[in-house]
Protein backbone atom coordinates (compact mmCIF):
# COMPACT_ATOMS: atom_id res chain seq x y z
CA MET A 1 -35.49 -38.84 23.21
CA ASN A 2 -38.30 -36.31 23.48
CA LYS A 3 -38.80 -33.38 21.14
CA SER A 4 -37.36 -30.80 23.57
CA LEU A 5 -34.16 -32.77 24.08
CA CYS A 6 -33.80 -33.22 20.32
CA THR A 7 -34.08 -29.48 19.84
CA VAL A 8 -31.44 -28.78 22.49
CA PHE A 9 -29.14 -31.41 20.94
CA LEU A 10 -29.46 -29.86 17.48
CA ILE A 11 -28.73 -26.38 18.83
CA ILE A 12 -25.62 -27.60 20.67
CA SER A 13 -24.46 -29.54 17.61
CA SER A 14 -24.90 -26.48 15.43
CA CYS A 15 -22.91 -24.36 17.89
CA PHE A 16 -20.09 -26.86 17.84
CA SER A 17 -20.16 -26.95 14.04
CA TYR A 18 -19.94 -23.16 13.76
CA ALA A 19 -17.21 -23.05 16.40
CA GLN A 20 -15.25 -25.75 14.60
CA ALA A 21 -15.64 -23.94 11.26
CA GLY A 22 -14.45 -20.71 12.87
CA THR A 23 -11.45 -22.48 14.38
CA MET A 24 -10.54 -24.08 11.04
CA GLN A 25 -10.80 -20.72 9.31
CA ALA A 26 -8.55 -19.17 11.95
CA VAL A 27 -6.05 -22.00 11.54
CA HIS A 28 -6.04 -21.58 7.76
CA GLN A 29 -5.60 -17.84 8.09
CA GLN A 30 -2.79 -18.30 10.58
CA THR A 31 -1.08 -20.77 8.24
CA GLU A 32 -1.33 -18.27 5.39
CA THR A 33 0.18 -15.63 7.68
CA GLU A 34 3.02 -17.97 8.63
CA ILE A 35 3.89 -18.46 4.94
CA LYS A 36 4.84 -14.77 4.79
CA GLU A 37 6.22 -14.36 8.29
CA TYR A 38 9.72 -15.78 7.82
CA PRO A 39 10.42 -13.94 4.53
CA VAL A 40 9.34 -10.60 6.03
CA VAL A 41 11.35 -11.14 9.22
CA TRP A 42 14.34 -12.09 7.04
CA GLN A 43 14.03 -8.91 4.99
CA GLN A 44 13.78 -6.73 8.08
CA THR A 45 16.37 -8.38 10.33
CA ALA A 46 18.89 -10.41 8.31
CA ALA A 47 22.22 -8.71 7.70
CA GLU A 48 22.53 -11.17 4.83
CA TYR A 49 19.62 -9.41 3.09
CA ARG A 50 21.42 -6.05 3.40
CA ALA A 51 24.64 -7.62 2.14
CA LEU A 52 22.88 -9.00 -0.95
CA CYS A 53 21.42 -5.58 -1.71
CA TYR A 54 24.78 -3.84 -1.31
CA GLN A 55 26.35 -6.55 -3.45
CA ALA A 56 23.83 -5.96 -6.24
CA PHE A 57 24.34 -2.20 -6.28
CA ASN A 58 28.13 -2.51 -5.96
CA ILE A 59 28.17 -4.71 -9.06
CA ALA A 60 25.86 -2.25 -10.82
CA ALA A 61 28.23 0.60 -9.94
CA LEU A 62 31.18 -1.33 -11.39
CA ARG A 63 29.26 -1.80 -14.64
CA LEU A 64 28.68 1.94 -14.90
CA LYS A 65 32.41 2.53 -14.55
CA GLU A 66 32.96 0.30 -17.59
CA ILE A 67 30.94 2.61 -19.85
CA PRO A 68 33.36 4.47 -22.15
CA LYS A 69 33.56 8.22 -21.52
CA GLY A 70 32.85 8.86 -25.18
CA LYS A 71 29.59 6.94 -24.92
CA LEU A 72 28.63 8.94 -21.85
CA ARG A 73 29.24 12.19 -23.75
CA ARG A 74 27.64 11.29 -27.07
CA GLU A 75 24.57 9.21 -26.20
CA LYS A 76 21.45 9.58 -24.11
CA LEU A 77 21.77 6.79 -21.58
CA ALA A 78 19.17 5.48 -19.18
CA ILE A 79 18.59 2.97 -16.44
CA ILE A 80 15.19 1.34 -16.04
CA THR A 81 14.33 0.21 -12.55
CA ASP A 82 11.39 -1.34 -10.78
CA LEU A 83 10.34 0.31 -7.52
CA ASP A 84 8.89 -2.09 -4.96
CA GLU A 85 11.54 -4.27 -3.29
CA THR A 86 14.08 -2.98 -5.81
CA ILE A 87 14.32 0.68 -4.75
CA LEU A 88 11.56 0.93 -2.14
CA ASP A 89 11.30 -1.32 0.93
CA ASN A 90 7.61 -2.07 1.60
CA SER A 91 8.14 -4.81 4.20
CA TYR A 92 6.37 -2.65 6.80
CA SER A 93 3.05 -3.16 5.04
CA GLU A 94 3.34 -6.95 5.03
CA ALA A 95 4.63 -6.93 8.61
CA GLN A 96 1.59 -4.98 9.80
CA LEU A 97 -0.77 -7.40 8.06
CA ILE A 98 0.97 -10.33 9.76
CA LYS A 99 0.64 -8.65 13.16
CA GLU A 100 -3.08 -8.10 12.55
CA VAL A 101 -3.57 -11.55 10.95
CA ARG A 102 -4.95 -9.96 7.78
CA GLN A 103 -4.37 -10.69 4.11
CA HIS A 104 -2.95 -8.43 1.42
CA THR A 105 -5.67 -6.76 -0.68
CA ASP A 106 -5.87 -3.82 -3.08
CA THR A 107 -7.31 -1.78 -0.22
CA THR A 108 -4.57 -2.60 2.29
CA TRP A 109 -1.94 -1.84 -0.37
CA LYS A 110 -3.55 1.50 -1.16
CA ASP A 111 -3.61 2.33 2.55
CA TRP A 112 0.14 1.73 2.64
CA THR A 113 1.18 3.56 -0.55
CA SER A 114 -0.90 6.60 0.41
CA LYS A 115 1.39 7.10 3.41
CA SER A 116 4.46 7.71 1.19
CA ALA A 117 6.40 5.98 3.96
CA ALA A 118 8.51 3.33 2.22
CA THR A 119 12.23 3.43 2.99
CA THR A 120 14.94 2.60 0.48
CA VAL A 121 16.51 -0.74 -0.29
CA PRO A 122 20.11 -0.60 1.04
CA GLY A 123 22.44 0.96 -1.53
CA ALA A 124 19.73 2.09 -3.94
CA VAL A 125 19.86 5.85 -3.42
CA GLU A 126 23.65 6.06 -3.56
CA PHE A 127 23.77 4.05 -6.78
CA LEU A 128 21.11 6.04 -8.63
CA GLN A 129 22.60 9.33 -7.49
CA ALA A 130 26.00 8.20 -8.82
CA ALA A 131 24.36 7.29 -12.14
CA LYS A 132 22.79 10.75 -12.30
CA GLN A 133 26.18 12.36 -11.77
CA LYS A 134 27.38 10.51 -14.87
CA GLY A 135 24.48 11.96 -16.83
CA ILE A 136 22.47 8.72 -16.90
CA ALA A 137 18.70 9.13 -16.53
CA THR A 138 16.59 6.85 -14.34
CA PHE A 139 13.10 5.72 -15.30
CA TYR A 140 10.88 4.09 -12.69
CA ILE A 141 8.67 1.46 -14.34
CA SER A 142 6.32 0.12 -11.70
CA ASN A 143 3.10 -1.85 -11.53
CA ARG A 144 1.78 0.49 -8.91
CA ASP A 145 -1.49 1.88 -10.21
CA THR A 146 -1.48 5.27 -11.90
CA SER A 147 -3.60 6.53 -8.99
CA ASP A 148 -0.50 5.97 -6.80
CA VAL A 149 1.70 8.33 -8.81
CA GLN A 150 1.34 11.37 -6.55
CA SER A 151 1.89 9.56 -3.25
CA THR A 152 4.81 7.65 -4.75
CA LEU A 153 6.32 10.84 -6.14
CA ILE A 154 6.30 12.34 -2.64
CA ASN A 155 7.97 9.17 -1.35
CA LEU A 156 10.71 9.30 -4.01
CA GLN A 157 11.38 12.98 -3.46
CA ASN A 158 11.57 12.54 0.31
CA LEU A 159 14.22 9.86 -0.24
CA HIS A 160 16.22 12.17 -2.56
CA LEU A 161 16.05 9.83 -5.51
CA PRO A 162 17.11 11.30 -8.88
CA ASP A 163 14.63 12.02 -11.68
CA ALA A 164 11.79 11.97 -9.17
CA ASP A 165 9.14 13.47 -11.42
CA THR A 166 6.12 12.20 -13.33
CA ALA A 167 7.98 12.23 -16.65
CA HIS A 168 10.23 9.46 -15.35
CA MET A 169 7.47 7.38 -13.71
CA LEU A 170 5.69 4.83 -15.92
CA PHE A 171 3.01 3.12 -13.84
CA LEU A 172 0.40 0.46 -14.59
CA SER A 173 -2.52 1.64 -16.68
CA ASN A 174 -3.92 -1.18 -18.79
CA THR A 175 -1.53 -4.17 -18.59
CA SER A 176 0.81 -5.60 -15.99
CA SER A 177 3.40 -6.37 -18.66
CA LYS A 178 6.16 -3.77 -18.59
CA GLU A 179 7.41 -4.47 -22.10
CA ALA A 180 5.54 -1.63 -23.84
CA ARG A 181 6.71 0.84 -21.22
CA ARG A 182 10.30 -0.35 -21.58
CA GLN A 183 10.04 0.20 -25.31
CA ILE A 184 8.87 3.78 -24.77
CA VAL A 185 12.10 4.52 -22.92
CA ALA A 186 14.25 2.49 -25.33
CA ALA A 187 12.92 4.55 -28.26
CA LYS A 188 14.62 7.67 -26.87
CA TYR A 189 17.49 6.33 -24.78
CA CYS A 190 20.21 3.72 -24.91
CA LEU A 191 19.44 1.35 -22.05
CA VAL A 192 22.58 0.54 -20.09
CA MET A 193 20.96 -1.37 -17.24
CA LEU A 194 17.72 -2.78 -15.87
CA LEU A 195 17.09 -3.40 -12.17
CA GLY A 196 14.34 -5.45 -10.55
CA ASP A 197 13.36 -8.09 -8.01
CA ASN A 198 11.11 -9.91 -10.47
CA LEU A 199 12.25 -11.44 -13.76
CA ASN A 200 9.29 -9.75 -15.45
CA ASP A 201 11.17 -6.49 -14.79
CA PHE A 202 13.73 -7.49 -17.43
CA MET A 203 12.16 -9.31 -20.37
CA ARG A 204 8.72 -10.34 -21.63
CA VAL A 205 9.88 -13.96 -22.05
CA PHE A 206 9.51 -14.56 -18.31
CA GLU A 207 5.84 -13.63 -18.14
CA LYS A 208 3.29 -16.33 -17.23
CA LYS A 209 5.84 -19.13 -17.47
CA THR A 210 6.10 -22.33 -15.45
CA VAL A 211 8.86 -22.87 -12.93
CA ALA A 212 10.77 -25.02 -15.45
CA ASP A 213 10.33 -22.49 -18.24
CA ARG A 214 11.53 -19.65 -15.98
CA PHE A 215 14.66 -21.66 -15.23
CA ALA A 216 15.24 -22.25 -18.95
CA GLU A 217 14.76 -18.60 -19.90
CA THR A 218 17.07 -17.52 -17.07
CA ASP A 219 19.79 -19.82 -18.37
CA LYS A 220 19.47 -18.46 -21.92
CA VAL A 221 20.61 -15.00 -20.76
CA LYS A 222 22.97 -16.13 -18.00
CA LEU A 223 25.72 -13.77 -19.16
CA GLN A 224 23.46 -10.74 -18.58
CA TRP A 225 22.92 -11.32 -14.85
CA GLY A 226 25.23 -8.98 -12.99
CA LYS A 227 25.98 -7.17 -16.24
CA LYS A 228 22.97 -5.50 -17.85
CA PHE A 229 20.44 -7.17 -15.53
CA ILE A 230 20.78 -6.54 -11.77
CA VAL A 231 18.47 -8.58 -9.51
CA LEU A 232 17.49 -7.64 -5.94
CA PRO A 233 16.35 -10.28 -3.41
CA ASN A 234 12.65 -10.64 -2.62
CA SER A 235 11.46 -13.85 -0.98
CA THR A 236 8.10 -12.43 0.15
CA TYR A 237 6.18 -12.16 -3.12
CA GLY A 238 6.58 -12.00 -6.88
CA GLU A 239 6.12 -13.86 -10.14
CA TRP A 240 8.07 -16.78 -8.68
CA GLU A 241 5.24 -17.28 -6.19
CA ASN A 242 2.56 -17.12 -8.90
CA ALA A 243 4.47 -19.76 -10.86
CA LEU A 244 4.40 -22.11 -7.85
CA TYR A 245 0.62 -22.15 -8.01
CA ASN A 246 0.45 -22.31 -11.83
CA TYR A 247 -1.03 -18.80 -11.84
CA GLN A 248 -4.22 -20.09 -10.22
CA LYS A 249 -5.94 -17.46 -8.11
CA ASN A 250 -8.16 -17.95 -5.06
CA LEU A 251 -6.55 -21.25 -4.02
CA SER A 252 -7.19 -22.31 -0.44
CA THR A 253 -4.31 -22.62 1.99
CA GLN A 254 -4.64 -26.39 1.88
CA GLN A 255 -4.44 -26.40 -1.93
CA LYS A 256 -1.32 -24.22 -1.79
CA GLU A 257 0.29 -26.51 0.75
CA ILE A 258 -0.34 -29.52 -1.50
CA LEU A 259 1.26 -27.78 -4.50
CA LEU A 260 4.25 -26.65 -2.43
CA LYS A 261 4.92 -30.16 -1.13
CA GLN A 262 4.77 -31.51 -4.69
CA LEU A 263 7.53 -29.07 -5.67
CA LEU A 264 9.89 -30.08 -2.87
CA ASN A 265 12.83 -32.23 -4.01
CA GLY A 266 14.13 -34.46 -1.28
CA TYR A 267 16.55 -37.40 -1.51
CA LYS A 268 16.29 -41.16 -1.41
């Protein structure tokens, strides 16, 4: 083979290599998109999702009715609630990323929160308004960044949520753990209920734990679920997902798929 033909062959080979790499990257990105697609579609279209949300808030409302009238009169009572996927429905952000085959980043999240466009999780507004009528304060403890306070405040006020003011909004400043912020509220109020879609919204013991440890800690407080702790469904993201990957960041799609298959329990 002469020198000219060799050169042409190398150029063609390189083109195929780049094309193949681009195709593989697209496939990996598409696979990552597909991981989120079903959960987001479920949240937006499944009547079962709405039923679970209504069920959670109906149970929460029953618990409020059990509070003695004397306690309501004498004590300062409060509810602590998470925001995202507990009170606010942000599925539109993830849906748009799926449509555009893009990944969630701090920038894409900021683009979404700045719109103040989240809707409410079914049953959330009615429940918190009923709590307010009983004289129970609501504190919104969220891991949205403190720079999101103003846009979130507009969102909460537009949705007619009670206690929608900065005094009742405790956002992330220096740690993702919510324990210190819960203690700030607990120092002044008697906490009658906590709401969240993530077990980290309830107790510190769930933070950075393995799947097995999260099961064990959940069982230890099994009498609190549906009583003091009210959980909302979120199959799109959360600490449960981080636990699947052993809190390892920047894993490739292939690495994630390997870990997920290892966690599947079939039968013999």
